[in-house]
Structures are given as structure tokens and as C-alpha cells.
N, C-alpha and C. Protein backbone atom coordinates (compact mmCIF):
# COMPACT_ATOMS: atom_id res chain seq x y z
N UNK A 1 9.96 -7.91 -20.21
CA UNK A 1 9.82 -6.38 -20.00
C UNK A 1 11.22 -6.07 -19.21
N UNK A 2 11.85 -4.79 -19.95
CA UNK A 2 12.99 -4.20 -19.40
C UNK A 2 13.14 -3.97 -17.95
N UNK A 3 14.25 -4.17 -17.65
CA UNK A 3 14.51 -4.15 -15.50
C UNK A 3 13.60 -2.68 -14.91
N UNK A 4 14.23 -1.63 -16.32
CA UNK A 4 13.92 0.09 -15.94
C UNK A 4 12.11 0.06 -16.20
N UNK A 5 11.94 -0.26 -17.22
CA UNK A 5 10.33 -0.41 -17.78
C UNK A 5 9.27 -0.46 -16.28
N UNK A 6 9.33 -1.39 -15.52
CA UNK A 6 8.38 -1.61 -14.66
C UNK A 6 8.45 -0.80 -13.58
N UNK A 7 9.39 0.29 -13.45
CA UNK A 7 9.19 1.27 -12.93
C UNK A 7 7.58 2.06 -13.33
N UNK A 8 7.89 1.85 -14.53
CA UNK A 8 6.50 2.99 -15.10
C UNK A 8 5.39 2.62 -14.08
N UNK A 9 4.79 1.19 -13.62
CA UNK A 9 3.69 0.94 -13.00
C UNK A 9 4.18 1.73 -11.73
N UNK A 10 5.26 2.03 -10.91
CA UNK A 10 5.31 2.72 -10.14
C UNK A 10 5.02 4.48 -10.24
N UNK A 11 5.54 4.88 -11.44
CA UNK A 11 5.23 6.04 -11.75
C UNK A 11 3.55 6.68 -11.88
N UNK A 12 3.09 5.38 -12.25
CA UNK A 12 1.45 5.46 -12.37
C UNK A 12 0.62 5.72 -11.59
N UNK A 13 1.47 4.56 -10.66
CA UNK A 13 0.76 4.67 -9.28
C UNK A 13 0.78 5.95 -8.58
N UNK A 14 1.89 6.20 -8.75
CA UNK A 14 2.29 7.86 -7.92
C UNK A 14 1.55 9.13 -8.56
N UNK A 15 1.44 8.89 -9.54
CA UNK A 15 0.51 9.97 -10.83
C UNK A 15 -1.02 10.05 -10.21
N UNK A 16 -1.58 8.95 -10.32
CA UNK A 16 -2.87 8.44 -10.03
C UNK A 16 -3.21 9.01 -8.79
N UNK A 17 -2.56 8.77 -7.53
CA UNK A 17 -2.31 8.85 -6.53
C UNK A 17 -2.52 10.39 -6.10
N UNK A 18 -1.52 11.26 -6.68
CA UNK A 18 -0.85 12.36 -6.16
C UNK A 18 -2.51 13.17 -7.06
N UNK A 19 -2.71 13.19 -8.13
CA UNK A 19 -3.62 13.80 -8.71
C UNK A 19 -5.09 13.94 -7.87
N UNK A 20 -5.40 12.21 -7.13
CA UNK A 20 -6.65 12.09 -6.88
C UNK A 20 -6.74 13.05 -5.50
N UNK A 21 -5.14 13.23 -4.46
CA UNK A 21 -5.13 13.53 -3.51
C UNK A 21 -5.59 15.34 -3.64
N UNK A 22 -4.74 15.77 -4.79
CA UNK A 22 -4.90 17.08 -5.15
C UNK A 22 -6.38 17.31 -5.67
N UNK A 23 -7.24 17.11 -6.31
CA UNK A 23 -8.33 16.81 -6.39
C UNK A 23 -9.31 17.26 -4.98
N UNK A 24 -9.00 16.16 -4.24
CA UNK A 24 -9.37 16.02 -3.39
C UNK A 24 -9.25 17.65 -1.96
N UNK A 25 -8.03 17.62 -1.82
CA UNK A 25 -7.86 18.59 -1.28
C UNK A 25 -8.22 20.33 -1.51
N UNK A 26 -8.04 20.39 -2.95
CA UNK A 26 -8.83 21.75 -3.51
C UNK A 26 -10.04 21.60 -3.57
N UNK A 27 -10.82 20.69 -3.40
CA UNK A 27 -12.28 21.04 -4.01
C UNK A 27 -13.18 20.51 -2.65
N UNK A 28 -12.62 20.25 -1.70
CA UNK A 28 -12.99 19.77 -0.39
C UNK A 28 -12.75 20.58 0.99
N UNK A 29 -13.68 20.51 2.00
CA UNK A 29 -13.09 21.14 3.10
C UNK A 29 -12.73 19.82 4.05
N UNK A 30 -11.60 20.17 4.72
CA UNK A 30 -11.30 19.28 5.79
C UNK A 30 -12.40 18.19 6.23
N UNK A 31 -12.98 17.10 6.37
CA UNK A 31 -13.65 16.79 7.12
C UNK A 31 -15.00 16.70 6.44
N UNK A 32 -15.22 17.00 5.59
CA UNK A 32 -16.35 17.10 4.46
C UNK A 32 -16.68 15.93 4.03
N UNK A 33 -17.69 15.76 3.74
CA UNK A 33 -18.13 14.31 3.04
C UNK A 33 -19.40 14.17 2.49
N UNK A 34 -19.39 13.52 1.16
CA UNK A 34 -20.92 13.52 0.53
C UNK A 34 -21.29 11.51 0.00
N UNK A 35 -21.89 11.40 0.03
CA UNK A 35 -22.37 9.95 -0.24
C UNK A 35 -21.98 9.80 -1.98
N UNK A 36 -21.60 8.92 -2.14
CA UNK A 36 -21.41 8.48 -3.94
C UNK A 36 -22.58 7.48 -3.79
N UNK A 37 -22.36 6.40 -3.12
CA UNK A 37 -23.68 5.03 -3.19
C UNK A 37 -24.19 4.84 -1.80
N UNK A 38 -24.87 5.73 -1.56
CA UNK A 38 -25.88 6.08 -0.39
C UNK A 38 -24.73 6.00 0.87
N UNK A 39 -25.18 4.89 1.83
CA UNK A 39 -24.07 5.22 2.82
C UNK A 39 -23.04 4.03 3.02
N UNK A 40 -23.04 3.62 2.11
CA UNK A 40 -22.01 2.28 1.94
C UNK A 40 -20.87 2.60 1.07
N UNK A 41 -20.64 3.82 0.65
CA UNK A 41 -19.59 4.60 -0.32
C UNK A 41 -19.43 5.83 -0.20
N UNK A 42 -18.37 6.75 0.72
CA UNK A 42 -18.80 8.09 0.69
C UNK A 42 -17.68 8.43 0.44
N UNK A 43 -17.42 9.60 0.15
CA UNK A 43 -15.66 10.49 -0.04
C UNK A 43 -15.59 11.63 1.30
N UNK A 44 -15.01 11.50 1.58
CA UNK A 44 -14.65 11.74 3.05
C UNK A 44 -13.05 12.41 3.11
N UNK A 45 -12.93 13.59 2.92
CA UNK A 45 -11.55 14.41 3.30
C UNK A 45 -11.29 14.38 4.58
N UNK A 46 -10.38 13.84 4.96
CA UNK A 46 -9.70 13.88 6.58
C UNK A 46 -7.67 13.51 5.90
N UNK A 47 -7.21 13.88 6.84
CA UNK A 47 -5.62 14.14 6.72
C UNK A 47 -5.13 13.20 7.98
N UNK A 48 -4.70 12.16 7.20
CA UNK A 48 -3.99 11.23 8.62
C UNK A 48 -2.49 11.18 8.85
N UNK A 49 -2.38 11.58 10.04
CA UNK A 49 -0.43 11.64 10.72
C UNK A 49 -0.12 10.37 11.06
N UNK A 50 -1.05 9.20 11.33
CA UNK A 50 -0.62 8.23 11.64
C UNK A 50 -0.18 7.13 10.62
N UNK A 51 -0.11 5.57 10.94
CA UNK A 51 0.40 5.01 9.91
C UNK A 51 -1.02 4.65 8.97
N UNK A 52 -1.08 3.51 7.93
CA UNK A 52 -1.96 3.11 7.22
C UNK A 52 -3.24 3.04 8.20
N UNK A 53 -4.62 3.26 7.77
CA UNK A 53 -5.89 3.35 8.54
C UNK A 53 -6.04 4.21 9.71
N UNK A 54 -5.12 5.13 10.04
CA UNK A 54 -5.28 5.92 10.94
C UNK A 54 -4.30 5.17 12.42
N UNK A 55 -3.69 4.54 12.14
CA UNK A 55 -3.11 3.88 13.31
C UNK A 55 -2.09 4.84 13.70
N UNK A 56 -2.30 5.08 14.92
CA UNK A 56 -1.23 5.75 15.48
C UNK A 56 -0.23 5.07 16.43
N UNK A 57 1.07 5.05 15.75
CA UNK A 57 2.00 4.30 16.69
C UNK A 57 3.28 5.34 17.29
N UNK A 58 3.15 6.45 16.82
CA UNK A 58 4.62 7.13 17.17
C UNK A 58 3.99 8.71 16.42
N UNK A 59 5.42 9.43 16.33
CA UNK A 59 5.25 10.70 15.54
C UNK A 59 5.10 10.72 14.32
N UNK A 60 4.87 11.27 13.29
CA UNK A 60 4.65 11.57 11.74
C UNK A 60 6.50 11.53 11.25
N UNK A 61 7.53 11.79 12.25
CA UNK A 61 8.84 11.72 11.76
C UNK A 61 9.07 10.49 11.65
N UNK A 62 8.49 9.33 12.40
CA UNK A 62 8.77 8.28 12.65
C UNK A 62 8.44 7.41 11.31
N UNK A 63 7.28 7.85 10.92
CA UNK A 63 6.36 6.84 9.50
C UNK A 63 7.00 7.39 8.20
N UNK A 64 7.79 8.90 8.49
CA UNK A 64 8.40 9.55 7.50
C UNK A 64 9.56 8.69 6.97
N UNK A 65 10.66 8.62 8.09
CA UNK A 65 11.94 8.25 8.09
C UNK A 65 11.64 6.80 7.43
N UNK A 66 10.60 5.53 8.15
CA UNK A 66 10.37 4.32 7.69
C UNK A 66 10.33 4.48 6.64
N UNK A 67 8.99 5.24 6.12
CA UNK A 67 8.72 5.39 4.73
C UNK A 67 9.75 5.78 3.53
N UNK A 68 10.96 6.14 4.05
CA UNK A 68 11.95 6.74 3.27
C UNK A 68 12.86 5.40 2.86
N UNK A 69 12.98 4.81 4.15
CA UNK A 69 13.94 3.72 4.30
C UNK A 69 13.80 2.27 3.38
N UNK A 70 12.12 2.14 3.76
CA UNK A 70 11.37 1.18 2.68
C UNK A 70 11.38 1.33 1.27
N UNK A 71 11.31 2.68 1.03
CA UNK A 71 10.59 2.67 -0.33
C UNK A 71 12.43 2.65 -0.94
N UNK A 72 13.41 2.74 -0.41
CA UNK A 72 14.72 2.96 -1.14
C UNK A 72 14.98 1.51 -1.28
N UNK A 73 14.84 0.35 0.08
CA UNK A 73 15.01 -0.80 -0.02
C UNK A 73 13.89 -1.32 -1.16
N UNK A 74 13.03 -0.93 -0.94
CA UNK A 74 12.30 -1.58 -2.34
C UNK A 74 12.87 -1.58 -3.92
N UNK A 75 13.04 -0.35 -4.23
CA UNK A 75 13.54 0.32 -4.99
C UNK A 75 15.17 -0.80 -5.27
N UNK A 76 15.80 -0.95 -4.56
CA UNK A 76 17.09 -1.48 -4.80
C UNK A 76 16.66 -2.64 -5.05
N UNK A 77 15.60 -3.57 -4.03
CA UNK A 77 15.14 -4.67 -4.63
C UNK A 77 14.61 -4.82 -5.79
N UNK A 78 13.56 -4.22 -6.06
CA UNK A 78 13.02 -4.23 -7.56
C UNK A 78 14.07 -4.29 -8.75
N UNK A 79 15.08 -3.37 -8.08
CA UNK A 79 16.20 -3.45 -9.65
C UNK A 79 16.69 -4.83 -9.42
N UNK A 80 17.04 -5.16 -8.46
CA UNK A 80 17.49 -6.69 -8.43
C UNK A 80 16.83 -7.95 -8.90
N UNK A 81 15.56 -7.64 -9.10
CA UNK A 81 14.27 -8.56 -9.24
C UNK A 81 14.52 -9.28 -11.12
N UNK A 82 15.32 -8.29 -11.83
CA UNK A 82 15.28 -8.45 -13.21
C UNK A 82 15.02 -9.73 -13.49
N UNK A 83 15.28 -10.79 -13.08
CA UNK A 83 14.90 -12.08 -13.52
C UNK A 83 13.75 -12.66 -12.81
N UNK A 84 13.16 -12.09 -12.56
CA UNK A 84 11.96 -12.36 -11.63
C UNK A 84 10.95 -12.31 -12.47
N UNK A 85 9.93 -13.28 -12.30
CA UNK A 85 8.66 -13.28 -12.99
C UNK A 85 7.77 -11.92 -12.92
N UNK A 86 6.89 -11.87 -13.96
CA UNK A 86 6.35 -10.23 -14.04
C UNK A 86 5.78 -9.80 -12.82
N UNK A 87 4.91 -10.77 -12.32
CA UNK A 87 4.01 -10.56 -11.44
C UNK A 87 4.88 -10.18 -9.79
N UNK A 88 5.81 -10.83 -9.56
CA UNK A 88 6.54 -10.64 -8.53
C UNK A 88 7.19 -9.08 -8.74
N UNK A 89 7.78 -8.86 -9.80
CA UNK A 89 7.98 -7.14 -10.33
C UNK A 89 6.87 -6.45 -10.11
N UNK A 90 5.66 -6.75 -10.76
CA UNK A 90 4.56 -5.74 -10.75
C UNK A 90 4.03 -5.79 -9.58
N UNK A 91 3.82 -6.65 -8.37
CA UNK A 91 3.50 -6.60 -7.15
C UNK A 91 4.39 -5.35 -6.61
N UNK A 92 6.19 -5.72 -6.85
CA UNK A 92 6.56 -4.66 -5.87
C UNK A 92 6.54 -3.45 -6.55
N UNK A 93 6.45 -3.48 -8.01
CA UNK A 93 6.38 -2.10 -8.65
C UNK A 93 5.13 -1.24 -7.60
N UNK A 94 3.97 -1.60 -7.48
CA UNK A 94 2.74 -1.15 -6.98
C UNK A 94 2.84 -0.85 -5.31
N UNK A 95 3.64 -1.68 -4.83
CA UNK A 95 4.18 -1.36 -3.26
C UNK A 95 4.79 -0.19 -3.57
N UNK A 96 6.12 -0.35 -4.39
CA UNK A 96 6.88 0.92 -4.16
C UNK A 96 5.88 2.39 -4.42
N UNK A 97 5.02 2.53 -5.71
CA UNK A 97 4.28 3.66 -5.81
C UNK A 97 3.35 3.73 -5.24
N UNK A 98 2.89 3.41 -4.31
CA UNK A 98 1.70 3.54 -3.18
C UNK A 98 2.82 4.29 -1.92
N UNK A 99 3.87 3.59 -1.48
CA UNK A 99 4.60 3.94 -0.79
C UNK A 99 5.34 5.38 -0.95
N UNK A 100 5.38 5.75 -2.37
CA UNK A 100 6.08 7.24 -2.32
C UNK A 100 5.28 7.78 -2.36
N UNK A 101 3.89 7.66 -2.61
CA UNK A 101 2.54 8.61 -2.73
C UNK A 101 2.56 9.13 -1.56
N UNK A 102 2.48 8.03 -0.58
CA UNK A 102 2.26 8.57 0.74
C UNK A 102 3.13 9.09 1.45
N UNK A 103 4.62 9.18 1.07
CA UNK A 103 5.63 9.89 1.95
C UNK A 103 5.60 11.19 0.69
N UNK A 104 5.52 10.93 -0.08
CA UNK A 104 5.27 12.60 -1.18
C UNK A 104 4.58 13.43 0.15
N UNK A 105 3.17 13.09 0.34
CA UNK A 105 2.25 13.49 1.68
C UNK A 105 2.72 14.28 2.76
N UNK A 106 3.43 12.88 3.27
CA UNK A 106 3.83 13.31 4.88
C UNK A 106 5.39 14.32 4.53
N UNK A 107 6.14 14.19 3.29
CA UNK A 107 6.74 15.17 3.34
C UNK A 107 6.64 16.43 3.02
N UNK A 108 5.44 16.79 2.25
CA UNK A 108 4.93 18.48 1.58
C UNK A 108 3.72 18.49 2.77
N UNK A 109 2.99 18.00 3.28
CA UNK A 109 1.98 18.20 3.92
C UNK A 109 1.83 17.96 5.35
N UNK A 110 2.63 17.07 6.01
CA UNK A 110 3.03 16.64 7.01
C UNK A 110 1.72 15.39 7.52
N UNK A 111 1.25 15.13 6.78
CA UNK A 111 0.27 14.00 6.58
C UNK A 111 -0.38 13.44 5.67
N UNK A 112 -1.41 12.37 5.45
CA UNK A 112 -1.42 11.86 4.21
C UNK A 112 -2.99 12.22 4.17
N UNK A 113 -3.22 12.62 3.05
CA UNK A 113 -4.53 12.94 2.27
C UNK A 113 -5.53 11.14 2.23
N UNK A 114 -6.79 11.10 3.12
CA UNK A 114 -7.38 10.24 2.79
C UNK A 114 -8.62 10.67 2.17
N UNK A 115 -9.41 9.39 1.26
CA UNK A 115 -11.05 9.95 0.97
C UNK A 115 -11.93 9.29 0.85
N UNK A 116 -11.47 7.50 0.44
CA UNK A 116 -12.10 6.72 0.03
C UNK A 116 -12.76 6.25 1.23
N UNK A 117 -14.10 6.20 1.64
CA UNK A 117 -14.86 6.15 2.75
C UNK A 117 -16.33 4.92 2.43
N UNK A 118 -15.92 3.77 3.02
CA UNK A 118 -16.54 2.40 3.25
C UNK A 118 -17.03 1.84 4.04
N UNK A 119 -18.38 1.90 4.28
CA UNK A 119 -19.05 1.15 5.01
C UNK A 119 -18.86 -0.76 5.29
N UNK A 120 -18.36 -0.99 6.34
CA UNK A 120 -17.78 -2.47 6.05
C UNK A 120 -18.64 -3.29 7.25
N UNK A 121 -18.50 -4.46 7.26
CA UNK A 121 -19.54 -5.30 8.38
C UNK A 121 -18.76 -4.88 9.58
N UNK A 122 -19.78 -4.63 10.31
CA UNK A 122 -19.37 -4.29 11.77
C UNK A 122 -18.67 -5.11 12.84
N UNK A 123 -17.65 -4.64 13.51
CA UNK A 123 -16.26 -5.70 14.01
C UNK A 123 -17.00 -4.99 15.54
N UNK A 124 -17.02 -6.13 16.41
CA UNK A 124 -17.14 -5.96 18.02
C UNK A 124 -16.20 -6.74 18.65
N UNK A 125 -15.38 -6.37 19.27
CA UNK A 125 -14.38 -7.33 19.93
C UNK A 125 -14.72 -7.13 21.62
N UNK A 126 -15.35 -7.44 22.45
CA UNK A 126 -15.27 -7.01 23.53
C UNK A 126 -13.93 -7.46 24.34
N UNK A 127 -14.05 -6.35 25.42
CA UNK A 127 -12.66 -6.31 25.95
C UNK A 127 -12.80 -7.65 27.11
N UNK A 128 -11.06 -8.20 27.19
CA UNK A 128 -11.16 -9.59 27.59
C UNK A 128 -9.88 -9.12 28.55
N UNK A 129 -9.86 -10.57 29.57
CA UNK A 129 -8.05 -10.72 30.12
C UNK A 129 -8.12 -12.09 29.65
N UNK A 130 -6.82 -12.01 29.02
CA UNK A 130 -5.94 -13.45 28.70
C UNK A 130 -4.51 -13.60 29.48
N UNK A 131 -4.60 -14.42 30.40
CA UNK A 131 -3.51 -14.44 31.39
C UNK A 131 -3.89 -13.24 32.26
N UNK A 132 -2.59 -12.40 32.15
CA UNK A 132 -2.19 -11.48 32.88
C UNK A 132 -2.45 -10.26 32.10
N UNK A 133 -2.95 -10.10 30.89
CA UNK A 133 -2.84 -9.03 30.04
C UNK A 133 -4.49 -8.53 29.74
N UNK A 134 -4.65 -7.50 30.08
CA UNK A 134 -6.20 -6.76 30.17
C UNK A 134 -6.23 -5.91 28.13
N UNK A 135 -6.89 -6.76 27.36
CA UNK A 135 -7.07 -6.28 26.23
C UNK A 135 -8.51 -4.81 26.20
N UNK A 136 -8.28 -4.28 25.58
CA UNK A 136 -9.58 -3.01 25.76
C UNK A 136 -10.82 -3.28 24.95
N UNK A 137 -10.70 -4.03 23.70
CA UNK A 137 -11.79 -4.48 23.34
C UNK A 137 -11.75 -3.78 22.09
N UNK A 138 -12.24 -3.96 20.83
CA UNK A 138 -12.19 -2.72 19.22
C UNK A 138 -13.91 -3.30 18.91
N UNK A 139 -14.02 -1.81 18.29
CA UNK A 139 -15.58 -1.61 17.50
C UNK A 139 -14.73 -0.72 16.54
N UNK A 140 -15.36 -1.07 15.17
CA UNK A 140 -15.06 -0.91 13.89
C UNK A 140 -16.22 -0.86 13.41
N UNK A 141 -17.07 0.03 12.87
CA UNK A 141 -18.54 0.06 12.02
C UNK A 141 -17.95 0.99 10.62
N UNK A 142 -16.94 1.15 10.34
CA UNK A 142 -16.81 1.97 8.95
C UNK A 142 -15.58 1.32 8.83
N UNK A 143 -15.02 0.78 7.68
CA UNK A 143 -13.46 0.80 7.54
C UNK A 143 -12.64 2.16 7.57
N UNK A 144 -11.58 1.92 8.29
CA UNK A 144 -10.93 3.36 8.20
C UNK A 144 -10.50 3.94 6.51
N UNK A 145 -10.97 5.65 6.38
CA UNK A 145 -10.58 6.06 4.98
C UNK A 145 -9.75 6.01 4.46
N UNK A 146 -9.10 5.89 3.43
CA UNK A 146 -7.83 5.56 2.73
C UNK A 146 -7.90 5.88 1.21
N UNK A 147 -6.75 6.08 0.67
CA UNK A 147 -6.87 6.79 -0.79
C UNK A 147 -6.13 5.77 -1.94
N UNK A 148 -5.47 6.47 -2.84
CA UNK A 148 -5.02 5.25 -3.80
C UNK A 148 -3.76 4.70 -3.67
N UNK A 149 -3.15 5.37 -3.04
CA UNK A 149 -1.82 4.81 -2.61
C UNK A 149 -1.81 3.52 -1.99
N UNK A 150 -2.78 3.60 -0.92
CA UNK A 150 -3.12 2.33 -0.24
C UNK A 150 -3.63 1.12 -0.77
N UNK A 151 -4.40 1.58 -2.02
CA UNK A 151 -4.98 0.53 -2.86
C UNK A 151 -3.50 -0.02 -3.52
N UNK A 152 -3.04 0.85 -4.14
CA UNK A 152 -1.45 0.06 -4.83
C UNK A 152 -1.20 -0.68 -3.72
N UNK A 153 -0.73 -0.28 -2.35
CA UNK A 153 0.15 -1.04 -1.45
C UNK A 153 -0.56 -2.67 -1.02
N UNK A 154 -2.01 -2.24 -1.21
CA UNK A 154 -2.80 -3.49 -0.49
C UNK A 154 -2.93 -4.29 -1.64
N UNK A 155 -3.08 -3.93 -2.93
CA UNK A 155 -3.14 -4.56 -4.14
C UNK A 155 -1.84 -5.74 -4.55
N UNK A 156 -0.72 -4.63 -4.19
CA UNK A 156 0.73 -5.15 -4.46
C UNK A 156 0.92 -6.20 -3.15
N UNK A 157 0.41 -5.84 -2.33
CA UNK A 157 0.91 -7.29 -1.12
C UNK A 157 0.09 -8.40 -1.45
N UNK A 158 -1.30 -8.22 -1.84
CA UNK A 158 -2.12 -9.43 -2.00
C UNK A 158 -1.56 -10.18 -3.52
N UNK A 159 -0.87 -9.59 -4.50
CA UNK A 159 -0.27 -10.37 -5.51
C UNK A 159 0.82 -10.97 -5.03
N UNK A 160 1.50 -10.24 -4.28
CA UNK A 160 3.14 -10.79 -3.97
C UNK A 160 2.90 -12.20 -3.19
N UNK A 161 2.00 -11.85 -2.18
CA UNK A 161 1.57 -12.99 -1.34
C UNK A 161 1.03 -14.31 -1.96
N UNK A 162 0.17 -13.75 -3.27
CA UNK A 162 -0.42 -14.84 -3.85
C UNK A 162 0.99 -15.45 -4.88
N UNK A 163 1.41 -14.89 -5.65
CA UNK A 163 2.70 -15.06 -6.36
C UNK A 163 3.39 -16.21 -5.39
N UNK A 164 4.21 -16.05 -4.01
CA UNK A 164 4.62 -16.67 -3.16
C UNK A 164 4.01 -17.95 -2.92
N UNK A 165 2.70 -17.89 -2.36
CA UNK A 165 1.67 -19.08 -2.12
C UNK A 165 1.55 -19.91 -3.50
N UNK A 166 1.27 -19.44 -4.34
CA UNK A 166 0.91 -20.40 -5.10
C UNK A 166 2.01 -20.59 -6.46
N UNK A 167 2.94 -19.71 -6.57
CA UNK A 167 3.82 -19.76 -7.59
C UNK A 167 4.71 -21.15 -7.59
N UNK A 168 4.71 -21.81 -8.47
CA UNK A 168 5.80 -23.61 -8.41
C UNK A 168 7.11 -23.19 -8.76
N UNK A 169 7.32 -23.73 -8.11
CA UNK A 169 9.20 -23.81 -8.27
C UNK A 169 9.52 -23.58 -9.65
N UNK A 170 10.26 -23.22 -10.51
CA UNK A 170 10.69 -23.31 -11.70
C UNK A 170 11.88 -23.67 -11.80
N UNK A 171 12.25 -24.88 -12.68
CA UNK A 171 12.99 -25.73 -12.51
C UNK A 171 14.64 -25.02 -13.04
N UNK A 172 15.61 -25.29 -12.79
CA UNK A 172 16.74 -24.74 -12.93
C UNK A 172 17.01 -24.90 -14.22
N UNK A 173 17.34 -24.14 -15.10
CA UNK A 173 17.89 -24.34 -16.71
C UNK A 173 19.29 -25.40 -16.36
N UNK A 174 19.06 -26.42 -17.49
CA UNK A 174 20.19 -27.29 -17.66
C UNK A 174 21.02 -27.28 -18.22
N UNK A 175 22.42 -27.35 -17.56
CA UNK A 175 23.48 -27.06 -18.71
C UNK A 175 23.85 -28.01 -19.60
N UNK A 176 24.33 -27.72 -20.68
CA UNK A 176 24.54 -29.26 -21.72
C UNK A 176 26.14 -28.97 -21.97
N UNK A 177 26.74 -30.19 -21.25
CA UNK A 177 28.03 -30.52 -21.51
C UNK A 177 28.68 -30.62 -22.80
N UNK A 178 29.75 -30.27 -22.89
CA UNK A 178 30.22 -30.78 -24.65
C UNK A 178 29.88 -32.30 -24.86
N UNK A 179 30.07 -33.21 -23.58
CA UNK A 179 29.73 -34.65 -24.28
C UNK A 179 28.29 -34.83 -25.00
N UNK A 180 27.12 -34.23 -24.23
CA UNK A 180 25.47 -34.14 -24.47
C UNK A 180 25.53 -33.64 -25.81
N UNK A 181 26.30 -32.76 -26.46
CA UNK A 181 26.54 -31.84 -27.54
C UNK A 181 26.51 -33.16 -28.84
N UNK A 182 27.74 -33.70 -28.69
CA UNK A 182 28.23 -34.27 -29.50
C UNK A 182 27.67 -35.84 -29.97
């Protein structure tokens, strides 16, 4: 696959992400929710000004700057990966598409449109103290609401991890010197 053709994966991820977000934004009220598959899967329209899965660690400007820098770095690295295996380039292209999709929302809306809402196994970690640190505990009964860009990033990361973990080293091409030819 030619080096720039892999960016088509990025473009498709961005387009699917933005079409789905525009549809949700234009057809639902903020915080409106409706069941698709009972309580297990719902479409719930929220706007997330935090990080992935609603994690709030700073201001929206921080996430926007971080996303711009990360997207530019991934784009440059992806272009330099011309000789890499398809799965490595494909995974990076998905990550880039998801990052740009969410970045576009941050720039144009000030927050990211999320709408895919799934029931997940209940997580309950009680508060505890370890040495001198107090941990407040954590409870999760639904997976945080997410979007198509988040899917692209997650699938890209899983593929990249699998590639790194399971890909065998390719033997270096052997050079034939003039004596071996004759």
C-alpha cells in the first residue's frame, strides 16, 4: 500500500465519527437517552469537556493543545512508517483518525460529543489506605459514554499492542556480495 493511501483509513474514521456526532447533536437534546437494547445499550447524548471517558484532569485548552501535538506527532510518525507492516500503519491511522475526530469537536464545540452508552459489569473498589496514602474508592455501574472516535482510538491501540506483542522479528534482508553471485 502506498504511503499516503493509509491516510484514507484516517479520513474514513474522521468522516464516520463526525457524521455520527452531527446526527446525534442535531436529532437529540443534551442528556436525552433512549434504549436500543434494553438497559444494556442506550444512545445517550452528552458533551464531554474532559479527557477520554469523561476523566477531568485539567482545562479543555490543555486537552486541545495535547491533541494537536499528539495528532501532529502521529501523522509524522505514520508518514515515516512507510516500510512497516500494514497492521502497524493501519492501527496508527485509526488512532490518528480518532484523535482528529475528537480534536475537531474540541475546536468547534469546546467539548466532545459522546453518545454510545453501555451497561458494564459493576466495579466497586472500597476506600482504603496504603502506607500514608488515602484512596477514596471507585464505583462504576455503566461504562462511560463514548463515540466513534473513541472506538477508532481503542481498536487502533489494541491492534498496535497485539502487533508489538505477537509480531515476530522479520529477518534483515541479506546482502549478496559480488563473490556470492559468481
